[in-house]
PDB file of N, CA and C in Angstrom:
ATOM      1  N   MET A   1     296.797  24.839  16.242  1.00  0.00           N
ATOM      2  CA  MET A   1     295.932  25.841  16.096  1.00  0.00           C
ATOM      3  C   MET A   1     296.470  27.279  16.060  1.00  0.00           C
ATOM      4  N   ILE A   2     295.973  28.051  15.546  1.00  0.00           N
ATOM      5  CA  ILE A   2     296.416  29.516  15.745  1.00  0.00           C
ATOM      6  C   ILE A   2     295.412  30.662  16.145  1.00  0.00           C
ATOM      7  N   LYS A   3     295.746  31.652  16.581  1.00  0.00           N
ATOM      8  CA  LYS A   3     294.977  32.660  16.762  1.00  0.00           C
ATOM      9  C   LYS A   3     295.277  34.030  16.273  1.00  0.00           C
ATOM     10  N   ALA A   4     294.590  34.543  15.139  1.00  0.00           N
ATOM     11  CA  ALA A   4     294.693  35.733  14.454  1.00  0.00           C
ATOM     12  C   ALA A   4     294.107  36.995  15.162  1.00  0.00           C
ATOM     13  N   VAL A   5     295.062  38.035  15.787  1.00  0.00           N
ATOM     14  CA  VAL A   5     294.565  39.137  16.694  1.00  0.00           C
ATOM     15  C   VAL A   5     294.781  40.358  15.507  1.00  0.00           C
ATOM     16  N   ASN A   6     293.612  41.070  15.125  1.00  0.00           N
ATOM     17  CA  ASN A   6     293.811  42.338  14.640  1.00  0.00           C
ATOM     18  C   ASN A   6     293.526  43.644  15.319  1.00  0.00           C
ATOM     19  N   ARG A   7     294.440  44.114  15.718  1.00  0.00           N
ATOM     20  CA  ARG A   7     294.310  45.368  16.673  1.00  0.00           C
ATOM     21  C   ARG A   7     294.062  46.584  16.086  1.00  0.00           C
ATOM     22  N   ILE A   8     292.722  47.081  16.341  1.00  0.00           N
ATOM     23  CA  ILE A   8     292.482  48.113  15.519  1.00  0.00           C
ATOM     24  C   ILE A   8     292.504  49.614  16.600  1.00  0.00           C
ATOM     25  N   SER A   9     293.191  50.432  16.043  1.00  0.00           N
ATOM     26  CA  SER A   9     293.162  52.006  16.780  1.00  0.00           C
ATOM     27  C   SER A   9     292.031  52.818  16.133  1.00  0.00           C
ATOM     28  N   ILE A  10     291.294  53.330  16.999  1.00  0.00           N
ATOM     29  CA  ILE A  10     289.741  53.862  16.518  1.00  0.00           C
ATOM     30  C   ILE A  10     289.829  55.189  17.580  1.00  0.00           C
ATOM     31  N   LYS A  11     289.567  56.264  16.718  1.00  0.00           N
ATOM     32  CA  LYS A  11     289.176  57.657  17.375  1.00  0.00           C
ATOM     33  C   LYS A  11     288.519  57.602  18.667  1.00  0.00           C
ATOM     34  N   LYS A  12     288.814  58.460  19.642  1.00  0.00           N
ATOM     35  CA  LYS A  12     288.480  58.127  20.946  1.00  0.00           C
ATOM     36  C   LYS A  12     286.877  58.204  21.186  1.00  0.00           C
ATOM     37  N   GLY A  13     286.190  57.575  21.757  1.00  0.00           N
ATOM     38  CA  GLY A  13     284.521  57.619  21.818  1.00  0.00           C
ATOM     39  C   GLY A  13     283.980  56.696  20.642  1.00  0.00           C
ATOM     40  N   ARG A  14     284.816  56.225  19.717  1.00  0.00           N
ATOM     41  CA  ARG A  14     284.013  55.560  18.881  1.00  0.00           C
ATOM     42  C   ARG A  14     284.123  53.881  18.893  1.00  0.00           C
ATOM     43  N   ALA A  15     284.724  53.444  19.687  1.00  0.00           N
ATOM     44  CA  ALA A  15     285.129  52.017  19.898  1.00  0.00           C
ATOM     45  C   ALA A  15     283.736  50.993  19.391  1.00  0.00           C
ATOM     46  N   HIS A  16     282.571  51.351  20.324  1.00  0.00           N
ATOM     47  CA  HIS A  16     281.554  50.387  19.931  1.00  0.00           C
ATOM     48  C   HIS A  16     280.811  50.839  18.676  1.00  0.00           C
ATOM     49  N   GLU A  17     280.981  51.830  18.132  1.00  0.00           N
ATOM     50  CA  GLU A  17     280.608  52.009  16.506  1.00  0.00           C
ATOM     51  C   GLU A  17     281.350  51.080  15.756  1.00  0.00           C
ATOM     52  N   VAL A  18     282.531  50.867  15.824  1.00  0.00           N
ATOM     53  CA  VAL A  18     283.549  49.996  15.052  1.00  0.00           C
ATOM     54  C   VAL A  18     283.007  48.640  15.229  1.00  0.00           C
ATOM     55  N   ALA A  19     282.967  48.166  16.429  1.00  0.00           N
ATOM     56  CA  ALA A  19     282.731  46.988  17.239  1.00  0.00           C
ATOM     57  C   ALA A  19     281.285  46.437  16.610  1.00  0.00           C
ATOM     58  N   GLU A  20     280.567  47.299  16.543  1.00  0.00           N
ATOM     59  CA  GLU A  20     279.235  46.787  16.290  1.00  0.00           C
ATOM     60  C   GLU A  20     279.221  46.334  14.605  1.00  0.00           C
ATOM     61  N   ARG A  21     280.219  46.327  13.801  1.00  0.00           N
ATOM     62  CA  ARG A  21     280.235  46.104  12.613  1.00  0.00           C
ATOM     63  C   ARG A  21     280.600  44.753  12.457  1.00  0.00           C
ATOM     64  N   PHE A  22     281.189  44.208  13.511  1.00  0.00           N
ATOM     65  CA  PHE A  22     281.451  42.389  13.795  1.00  0.00           C
ATOM     66  C   PHE A  22     280.250  41.884  14.609  1.00  0.00           C
ATOM     67  N   SER A  23     279.162  42.692  14.718  1.00  0.00           N
ATOM     68  CA  SER A  23     278.352  41.870  15.471  1.00  0.00           C
ATOM     69  C   SER A  23     277.379  40.771  14.945  1.00  0.00           C
ATOM     70  N   LYS A  24     277.211  41.000  13.581  1.00  0.00           N
ATOM     71  CA  LYS A  24     276.367  39.967  12.732  1.00  0.00           C
ATOM     72  C   LYS A  24     277.437  39.084  11.959  1.00  0.00           C
ATOM     73  N   ALA A  25     277.039  37.753  12.214  1.00  0.00           N
ATOM     74  CA  ALA A  25     277.974  36.618  11.399  1.00  0.00           C
ATOM     75  C   ALA A  25     277.807  37.013  10.157  1.00  0.00           C
ATOM     76  N   LYS A  26     279.356  36.781   9.260  1.00  0.00           N
ATOM     77  CA  LYS A  26     279.567  37.144   8.029  1.00  0.00           C
ATOM     78  C   LYS A  26     280.090  35.746   7.539  1.00  0.00           C
ATOM     79  N   SER A  27     280.748  35.988   6.466  1.00  0.00           N
ATOM     80  CA  SER A  27     281.241  34.821   5.672  1.00  0.00           C
ATOM     81  C   SER A  27     282.288  33.910   6.433  1.00  0.00           C
ATOM     82  N   ILE A  28     283.034  34.698   7.175  1.00  0.00           N
ATOM     83  CA  ILE A  28     284.098  34.117   7.876  1.00  0.00           C
ATOM     84  C   ILE A  28     283.699  32.775   8.703  1.00  0.00           C
ATOM     85  N   HIS A  29     282.377  32.802   9.360  1.00  0.00           N
ATOM     86  CA  HIS A  29     281.955  31.532  10.015  1.00  0.00           C
ATOM     87  C   HIS A  29     281.316  30.362   9.410  1.00  0.00           C
ATOM     88  N   THR A  30     281.687  30.439   7.825  1.00  0.00           N
ATOM     89  CA  THR A  30     281.407  29.398   7.112  1.00  0.00           C
ATOM     90  C   THR A  30     282.858  28.758   6.335  1.00  0.00           C
ATOM     91  N   PHE A  31     283.870  29.383   6.723  1.00  0.00           N
ATOM     92  CA  PHE A  31     285.128  28.750   6.032  1.00  0.00           C
ATOM     93  C   PHE A  31     285.783  27.335   6.942  1.00  0.00           C
ATOM     94  N   LYS A  32     285.971  26.629   6.143  1.00  0.00           N
ATOM     95  CA  LYS A  32     286.767  25.392   6.853  1.00  0.00           C
ATOM     96  C   LYS A  32     287.787  25.831   7.652  1.00  0.00           C
ATOM     97  N   GLY A  33     287.888  25.401   8.984  1.00  0.00           N
ATOM     98  CA  GLY A  33     289.001  25.598   9.645  1.00  0.00           C
ATOM     99  C   GLY A  33     288.825  26.852  10.667  1.00  0.00           C
ATOM    100  N   PHE A  34     287.930  27.513  10.627  1.00  0.00           N
ATOM    101  CA  PHE A  34     287.299  28.404  11.411  1.00  0.00           C
ATOM    102  C   PHE A  34     286.653  27.991  12.612  1.00  0.00           C
ATOM    103  N   ILE A  35     287.214  28.542  13.871  1.00  0.00           N
ATOM    104  CA  ILE A  35     286.724  27.994  15.175  1.00  0.00           C
ATOM    105  C   ILE A  35     286.039  28.766  15.863  1.00  0.00           C
ATOM    106  N   LEU A  36     286.614  30.361  16.083  1.00  0.00           N
ATOM    107  CA  LEU A  36     285.868  31.167  17.067  1.00  0.00           C
ATOM    108  C   LEU A  36     286.237  32.420  16.581  1.00  0.00           C
ATOM    109  N   MET A  37     285.266  33.634  16.746  1.00  0.00           N
ATOM    110  CA  MET A  37     285.691  34.997  16.744  1.00  0.00           C
ATOM    111  C   MET A  37     285.436  35.600  18.112  1.00  0.00           C
ATOM    112  N   GLU A  38     286.119  36.657  18.370  1.00  0.00           N
ATOM    113  CA  GLU A  38     285.944  37.333  19.630  1.00  0.00           C
ATOM    114  C   GLU A  38     286.064  38.750  19.316  1.00  0.00           C
ATOM    115  N   VAL A  39     285.521  39.841  19.819  1.00  0.00           N
ATOM    116  CA  VAL A  39     285.779  41.296  19.295  1.00  0.00           C
ATOM    117  C   VAL A  39     285.776  41.924  20.989  1.00  0.00           C
ATOM    118  N   LEU A  40     287.164  42.219  21.222  1.00  0.00           N
ATOM    119  CA  LEU A  40     287.586  42.788  22.559  1.00  0.00           C
ATOM    120  C   LEU A  40     287.610  44.480  22.288  1.00  0.00           C
ATOM    121  N   ILE A  41     286.934  44.921  23.557  1.00  0.00           N
ATOM    122  CA  ILE A  41     287.072  46.603  23.690  1.00  0.00           C
ATOM    123  C   ILE A  41     288.161  46.731  24.729  1.00  0.00           C
ATOM    124  N   LYS A  42     289.158  47.391  24.469  1.00  0.00           N
ATOM    125  CA  LYS A  42     290.169  47.478  25.464  1.00  0.00           C
ATOM    126  C   LYS A  42     289.706  48.779  26.497  1.00  0.00           C
ATOM    127  N   GLU A  43     289.713  48.453  27.759  1.00  0.00           N
ATOM    128  CA  GLU A  43     289.145  49.530  28.684  1.00  0.00           C
ATOM    129  C   GLU A  43     290.364  50.312  29.174  1.00  0.00           C
ATOM    130  N   GLY A  44     290.153  51.682  29.618  1.00  0.00           N
ATOM    131  CA  GLY A  44     291.034  52.469  30.278  1.00  0.00           C
ATOM    132  C   GLY A  44     291.913  53.206  29.308  1.00  0.00           C
ATOM    133  N   THR A  45     291.759  53.150  28.001  1.00  0.00           N
ATOM    134  CA  THR A  45     292.575  54.046  27.067  1.00  0.00           C
ATOM    135  C   THR A  45     292.172  55.069  27.274  1.00  0.00           C
ATOM    136  N   LYS A  46     293.307  56.169  27.048  1.00  0.00           N
ATOM    137  CA  LYS A  46     293.062  57.654  27.162  1.00  0.00           C
ATOM    138  C   LYS A  46     293.329  58.629  25.788  1.00  0.00           C
ATOM    139  N   GLU A  47     294.212  58.071  24.715  1.00  0.00           N
ATOM    140  CA  GLU A  47     294.133  59.129  23.441  1.00  0.00           C
ATOM    141  C   GLU A  47     293.275  58.526  22.420  1.00  0.00           C
ATOM    142  N   GLU A  48     293.253  57.241  22.714  1.00  0.00           N
ATOM    143  CA  GLU A  48     292.349  56.640  21.410  1.00  0.00           C
ATOM    144  C   GLU A  48     291.897  55.220  21.798  1.00  0.00           C
ATOM    145  N   ASP A  49     290.537  54.759  21.155  1.00  0.00           N
ATOM    146  CA  ASP A  49     290.090  53.531  21.726  1.00  0.00           C
ATOM    147  C   ASP A  49     290.909  52.359  21.085  1.00  0.00           C
ATOM    148  N   VAL A  50     290.613  51.373  21.333  1.00  0.00           N
ATOM    149  CA  VAL A  50     291.267  50.062  20.773  1.00  0.00           C
ATOM    150  C   VAL A  50     290.156  48.685  20.761  1.00  0.00           C
ATOM    151  N   ILE A  51     290.292  48.233  19.706  1.00  0.00           N
ATOM    152  CA  ILE A  51     289.411  46.645  19.617  1.00  0.00           C
ATOM    153  C   ILE A  51     290.347  45.808  19.156  1.00  0.00           C
ATOM    154  N   GLU A  52     289.994  44.637  19.350  1.00  0.00           N
ATOM    155  CA  GLU A  52     291.021  43.420  18.921  1.00  0.00           C
ATOM    156  C   GLU A  52     289.912  42.569  18.661  1.00  0.00           C
ATOM    157  N   VAL A  53     290.052  42.393  17.116  1.00  0.00           N
ATOM    158  CA  VAL A  53     289.372  41.008  16.660  1.00  0.00           C
ATOM    159  C   VAL A  53     290.127  40.086  16.809  1.00  0.00           C
ATOM    160  N   CYS A  54     289.679  38.910  17.548  1.00  0.00           N
ATOM    161  CA  CYS A  54     290.550  37.612  17.593  1.00  0.00           C
ATOM    162  C   CYS A  54     289.645  36.530  16.637  1.00  0.00           C
ATOM    163  N   THR A  55     290.121  35.804  15.999  1.00  0.00           N
ATOM    164  CA  THR A  55     289.623  34.813  15.439  1.00  0.00           C
ATOM    165  C   THR A  55     290.687  33.379  15.696  1.00  0.00           C
ATOM    166  N   THR A  56     290.036  32.415  16.056  1.00  0.00           N
ATOM    167  CA  THR A  56     290.959  31.162  16.194  1.00  0.00           C
ATOM    168  C   THR A  56     290.599  29.786  14.993  1.00  0.00           C
ATOM    169  N   TRP A  57     291.692  29.457  14.493  1.00  0.00           N
ATOM    170  CA  TRP A  57     291.567  28.698  13.157  1.00  0.00           C
ATOM    171  C   TRP A  57     292.297  27.658  13.631  1.00  0.00           C
ATOM    172  N   GLU A  58     291.970  26.561  12.861  1.00  0.00           N
ATOM    173  CA  GLU A  58     292.538  25.015  13.161  1.00  0.00           C
ATOM    174  C   GLU A  58     294.325  24.879  12.830  1.00  0.00           C
ATOM    175  N   SER A  59     294.353  25.807  11.844  1.00  0.00           N
ATOM    176  CA  SER A  59     295.552  25.934  11.211  1.00  0.00           C
ATOM    177  C   SER A  59     296.084  26.989  10.567  1.00  0.00           C
ATOM    178  N   HIS A  60     297.304  27.204  10.072  1.00  0.00           N
ATOM    179  CA  HIS A  60     297.682  28.375   9.325  1.00  0.00           C
ATOM    180  C   HIS A  60     297.099  28.318   8.170  1.00  0.00           C
ATOM    181  N   ASP A  61     296.981  27.486   7.440  1.00  0.00           N
ATOM    182  CA  ASP A  61     296.305  27.066   6.262  1.00  0.00           C
ATOM    183  C   ASP A  61     295.189  27.595   6.137  1.00  0.00           C
ATOM    184  N   SER A  62     294.351  27.324   7.214  1.00  0.00           N
ATOM    185  CA  SER A  62     292.909  27.651   6.923  1.00  0.00           C
ATOM    186  C   SER A  62     292.697  28.982   6.814  1.00  0.00           C
ATOM    187  N   PHE A  63     293.586  29.720   7.591  1.00  0.00           N
ATOM    188  CA  PHE A  63     293.426  31.261   8.008  1.00  0.00           C
ATOM    189  C   PHE A  63     293.946  31.737   6.510  1.00  0.00           C
ATOM    190  N   LYS A  64     294.939  31.197   6.046  1.00  0.00           N
ATOM    191  CA  LYS A  64     295.658  31.916   4.543  1.00  0.00           C
ATOM    192  C   LYS A  64     294.683  31.750   3.607  1.00  0.00           C
ATOM    193  N   THR A  65     293.783  30.458   3.606  1.00  0.00           N
ATOM    194  CA  THR A  65     292.926  30.399   2.591  1.00  0.00           C
ATOM    195  C   THR A  65     291.822  31.365   2.715  1.00  0.00           C
ATOM    196  N   TRP A  66     291.382  31.876   3.950  1.00  0.00           N
ATOM    197  CA  TRP A  66     290.422  32.757   4.139  1.00  0.00           C
ATOM    198  C   TRP A  66     290.769  33.928   3.772  1.00  0.00           C
ATOM    199  N   ARG A  67     291.927  34.427   4.128  1.00  0.00           N
ATOM    200  CA  ARG A  67     292.614  35.819   4.078  1.00  0.00           C
ATOM    201  C   ARG A  67     292.650  36.114   2.429  1.00  0.00           C
ATOM    202  N   GLU A  68     293.264  34.937   1.902  1.00  0.00           N
ATOM    203  CA  GLU A  68     293.409  35.156   0.164  1.00  0.00           C
ATOM    204  C   GLU A  68     292.099  35.147  -0.314  1.00  0.00           C
ATOM    205  N   SER A  69     290.908  34.616   0.253  1.00  0.00           N
ATOM    206  CA  SER A  69     289.653  34.695  -0.365  1.00  0.00           C
ATOM    207  C   SER A  69     289.307  36.071   0.003  1.00  0.00           C
ATOM    208  N   ARG A  70     289.531  36.723   1.074  1.00  0.00           N
ATOM    209  CA  ARG A  70     288.970  38.250   1.811  1.00  0.00           C
ATOM    210  C   ARG A  70     289.561  38.877   0.834  1.00  0.00           C
ATOM    211  N   ALA A  71     291.131  38.869   0.224  1.00  0.00           N
ATOM    212  CA  ALA A  71     291.658  39.903  -0.441  1.00  0.00           C
ATOM    213  C   ALA A  71     291.077  39.915  -2.033  1.00  0.00           C
ATOM    214  N   THR A  72     290.733  38.699  -2.455  1.00  0.00           N
ATOM    215  CA  THR A  72     289.925  38.647  -3.846  1.00  0.00           C
ATOM    216  C   THR A  72     288.786  39.506  -3.686  1.00  0.00           C
ATOM    217  N   GLN A  73     287.943  39.185  -2.716  1.00  0.00           N
ATOM    218  CA  GLN A  73     286.789  39.996  -2.507  1.00  0.00           C
ATOM    219  C   GLN A  73     286.823  41.534  -2.323  1.00  0.00           C
ATOM    220  N   LYS A  74     288.016  41.768  -1.703  1.00  0.00           N
ATOM    221  CA  LYS A  74     288.320  43.487  -1.573  1.00  0.00           C
ATOM    222  C   LYS A  74     288.805  44.061  -2.599  1.00  0.00           C
ATOM    223  N   THR A  75     289.496  43.296  -3.370  1.00  0.00           N
ATOM    224  CA  THR A  75     289.800  43.689  -4.832  1.00  0.00           C
ATOM    225  C   THR A  75     288.671  44.128  -5.509  1.00  0.00           C
ATOM    226  N   HIS A  76     287.667  42.763  -5.867  1.00  0.00           N
ATOM    227  CA  HIS A  76     286.557  43.358  -6.690  1.00  0.00           C
ATOM    228  C   HIS A  76     285.584  44.304  -6.046  1.00  0.00           C
ATOM    229  N   ALA A  77     285.850  44.635  -4.894  1.00  0.00           N
ATOM    230  CA  ALA A  77     284.741  45.829  -4.101  1.00  0.00           C
ATOM    231  C   ALA A  77     285.415  47.107  -4.245  1.00  0.00           C
ATOM    232  N   SER A  78     286.958  47.306  -4.347  1.00  0.00           N
ATOM    233  CA  SER A  78     287.377  48.452  -4.353  1.00  0.00           C
ATOM    234  C   SER A  78     287.395  49.576  -5.421  1.00  0.00           C
ATOM    235  N   THR A  79     286.794  48.873  -6.668  1.00  0.00           N
ATOM    236  CA  THR A  79     286.224  49.801  -7.552  1.00  0.00           C
ATOM    237  C   THR A  79     285.047  50.747  -7.041  1.00  0.00           C
ATOM    238  N   GLU A  80     284.381  49.834  -6.277  1.00  0.00           N
ATOM    239  CA  GLU A  80     282.915  50.730  -5.693  1.00  0.00           C
ATOM    240  C   GLU A  80     283.210  51.511  -4.620  1.00  0.00           C
ATOM    241  N   GLN A  81     284.395  51.453  -3.767  1.00  0.00           N
ATOM    242  CA  GLN A  81     284.699  52.005  -2.632  1.00  0.00           C
ATOM    243  C   GLN A  81     286.068  52.894  -2.700  1.00  0.00           C
ATOM    244  N   GLU A  82     286.145  53.376  -3.645  1.00  0.00           N
ATOM    245  CA  GLU A  82     287.799  54.069  -4.080  1.00  0.00           C
ATOM    246  C   GLU A  82     288.001  55.204  -2.742  1.00  0.00           C
ATOM    247  N   SER A  83     287.213  55.845  -2.422  1.00  0.00           N
ATOM    248  CA  SER A  83     287.625  56.968  -1.626  1.00  0.00           C
ATOM    249  C   SER A  83     286.974  56.445  -0.047  1.00  0.00           C
ATOM    250  N   LYS A  84     287.439  56.824   0.873  1.00  0.00           N
ATOM    251  CA  LYS A  84     287.500  56.810   2.484  1.00  0.00           C
ATOM    252  C   LYS A  84     286.568  58.102   2.751  1.00  0.00           C
ATOM    253  N   PRO A  85     285.392  57.717   3.442  1.00  0.00           N
ATOM    254  CA  PRO A  85     285.084  58.804   4.390  1.00  0.00           C
ATOM    255  C   PRO A  85     285.795  59.456   4.919  1.00  0.00           C
ATOM    256  N   GLU A  86     285.582  60.711   5.019  1.00  0.00           N
ATOM    257  CA  GLU A  86     286.343  61.643   5.947  1.00  0.00           C
ATOM    258  C   GLU A  86     286.281  61.497   7.307  1.00  0.00           C
ATOM    259  N   ASP A  87     285.132  60.838   7.630  1.00  0.00           N
ATOM    260  CA  ASP A  87     284.998  60.756   9.170  1.00  0.00           C
ATOM    261  C   ASP A  87     285.046  59.244   9.372  1.00  0.00           C
ATOM    262  N   ASN A  88     285.799  58.492   9.045  1.00  0.00           N
ATOM    263  CA  ASN A  88     286.447  57.201   9.192  1.00  0.00           C
ATOM    264  C   ASN A  88     286.913  57.221  10.736  1.00  0.00           C
ATOM    265  N   PRO A  89     286.358  56.509  11.551  1.00  0.00           N
ATOM    266  CA  PRO A  89     286.813  56.316  12.866  1.00  0.00           C
ATOM    267  C   PRO A  89     288.057  55.658  13.088  1.00  0.00           C
ATOM    268  N   ILE A  90     288.417  54.643  12.157  1.00  0.00           N
ATOM    269  CA  ILE A  90     289.794  53.864  12.183  1.00  0.00           C
ATOM    270  C   ILE A  90     290.709  54.621  11.744  1.00  0.00           C
ATOM    271  N   ILE A  91     291.884  54.549  12.953  1.00  0.00           N
ATOM    272  CA  ILE A  91     293.129  55.385  12.953  1.00  0.00           C
ATOM    273  C   ILE A  91     294.172  54.600  12.058  1.00  0.00           C
ATOM    274  N   GLY A  92     294.177  53.136  12.432  1.00  0.00           N
ATOM    275  CA  GLY A  92     295.141  51.955  12.061  1.00  0.00           C
ATOM    276  C   GLY A  92     294.642  50.761  12.380  1.00  0.00           C
ATOM    277  N   ALA A  93     295.586  49.729  11.748  1.00  0.00           N
ATOM    278  CA  ALA A  93     295.519  48.168  12.294  1.00  0.00           C
ATOM    279  C   ALA A  93     296.544  47.588  12.152  1.00  0.00           C
ATOM    280  N   GLU A  94     296.755  46.626  12.929  1.00  0.00           N
ATOM    281  CA  GLU A  94     297.873  45.822  13.008  1.00  0.00           C
ATOM    282  C   GLU A  94     297.658  44.279  13.210  1.00  0.00           C
ATOM    283  N   LEU A  95     297.948  43.279  12.227  1.00  0.00           N
ATOM    284  CA  LEU A  95     297.354  41.754  12.485  1.00  0.00           C
ATOM    285  C   LEU A  95     298.736  41.197  13.207  1.00  0.00           C
ATOM    286  N   SER A  96     298.296  40.238  14.008  1.00  0.00           N
ATOM    287  CA  SER A  96     299.634  39.483  14.487  1.00  0.00           C
ATOM    288  C   SER A  96     298.921  38.105  14.793  1.00  0.00           C
ATOM    289  N   THR A  97     299.609  36.960  14.641  1.00  0.00           N
ATOM    290  CA  THR A  97     299.529  35.650  14.661  1.00  0.00           C
ATOM    291  C   THR A  97     300.060  34.873  15.694  1.00  0.00           C
ATOM    292  N   TYR A  98     299.300  34.027  16.489  1.00  0.00           N
ATOM    293  CA  TYR A  98     300.216  33.327  17.758  1.00  0.00           C
ATOM    294  C   TYR A  98     299.563  31.843  17.459  1.00  0.00           C
ATOM    295  N   GLU A  99     300.632  31.084  17.891  1.00  0.00           N
ATOM    296  CA  GLU A  99     300.544  29.612  18.088  1.00  0.00           C
ATOM    297  C   GLU A  99     299.514  29.502  19.368  1.00  0.00           C
ATOM    298  N   VAL A 100     298.487  28.897  19.368  1.00  0.00           N
ATOM    299  CA  VAL A 100     297.750  28.364  20.698  1.00  0.00           C
ATOM    300  C   VAL A 100     298.516  27.182  21.389  1.00  0.00           C
ATOM    301  N   PHE A 101     299.471  27.614  22.101  1.00  0.00           N
ATOM    302  CA  PHE A 101     300.177  26.184  23.096  1.00  0.00           C
ATOM    303  C   PHE A 101     299.210  25.795  24.023  1.00  0.00           C
ATOM    304  N   VAL A 102     298.536  26.513  24.766  1.00  0.00           N
ATOM    305  CA  VAL A 102     297.792  25.766  26.001  1.00  0.00           C
ATOM    306  C   VAL A 102     296.347  26.421  25.926  1.00  0.00           C
ATOM    307  N   GLN A 103     295.246  25.777  26.129  1.00  0.00           N
ATOM    308  CA  GLN A 103     293.841  26.406  26.705  1.00  0.00           C
ATOM    309  C   GLN A 103     293.539  25.529  27.808  1.00  0.00           C
ATOM    310  N   HIS A 104     292.824  26.139  28.790  1.00  0.00           N
ATOM    311  CA  HIS A 104     292.257  25.259  29.732  1.00  0.00           C
ATOM    312  C   HIS A 104     290.929  25.847  29.409  1.00  0.00           C
ATOM    313  N   HIS A 105     289.841  24.408  29.846  1.00  0.00           N
ATOM    314  CA  HIS A 105     288.369  24.625  29.752  1.00  0.00           C
ATOM    315  C   HIS A 105     287.583  24.182  30.901  1.00  0.00           C
ATOM    316  N   PRO A 106     286.407  24.752  30.973  1.00  0.00           N
ATOM    317  CA  PRO A 106     285.892  24.350  32.553  1.00  0.00           C
ATOM    318  C   PRO A 106     285.622  22.663  32.173  1.00  0.00           C
ATOM    319  N   GLU A 107     285.644  21.993  33.598  1.00  0.00           N
ATOM    320  CA  GLU A 107     285.175  20.493  33.368  1.00  0.00           C
ATOM    321  C   GLU A 107     283.918  20.271  33.078  1.00  0.00           C
TER     322      GLU A 107
END
């Protein structure tokens, strides 16, 4: 099992605006191997807001299949959205993946 964490840096005061984009279930929930999504808003930041979009997958292969599918979708949509709005709250993003080594669940 793996966890993919997308750390998104956001203009100060706009974290909830960006996090809200993830509040409705989208196609990721239908992919084979998808287990869980969490959206975390970091507390106590000073210069910028940070959210982390964490997804849990059965395997690297299932995550890779979803990413390739998403890249294809973005390629087709890019001609429609070539310019980013000047008021885009997102400063940057970094994706990391982790092997889930241990999980403890309630009894």
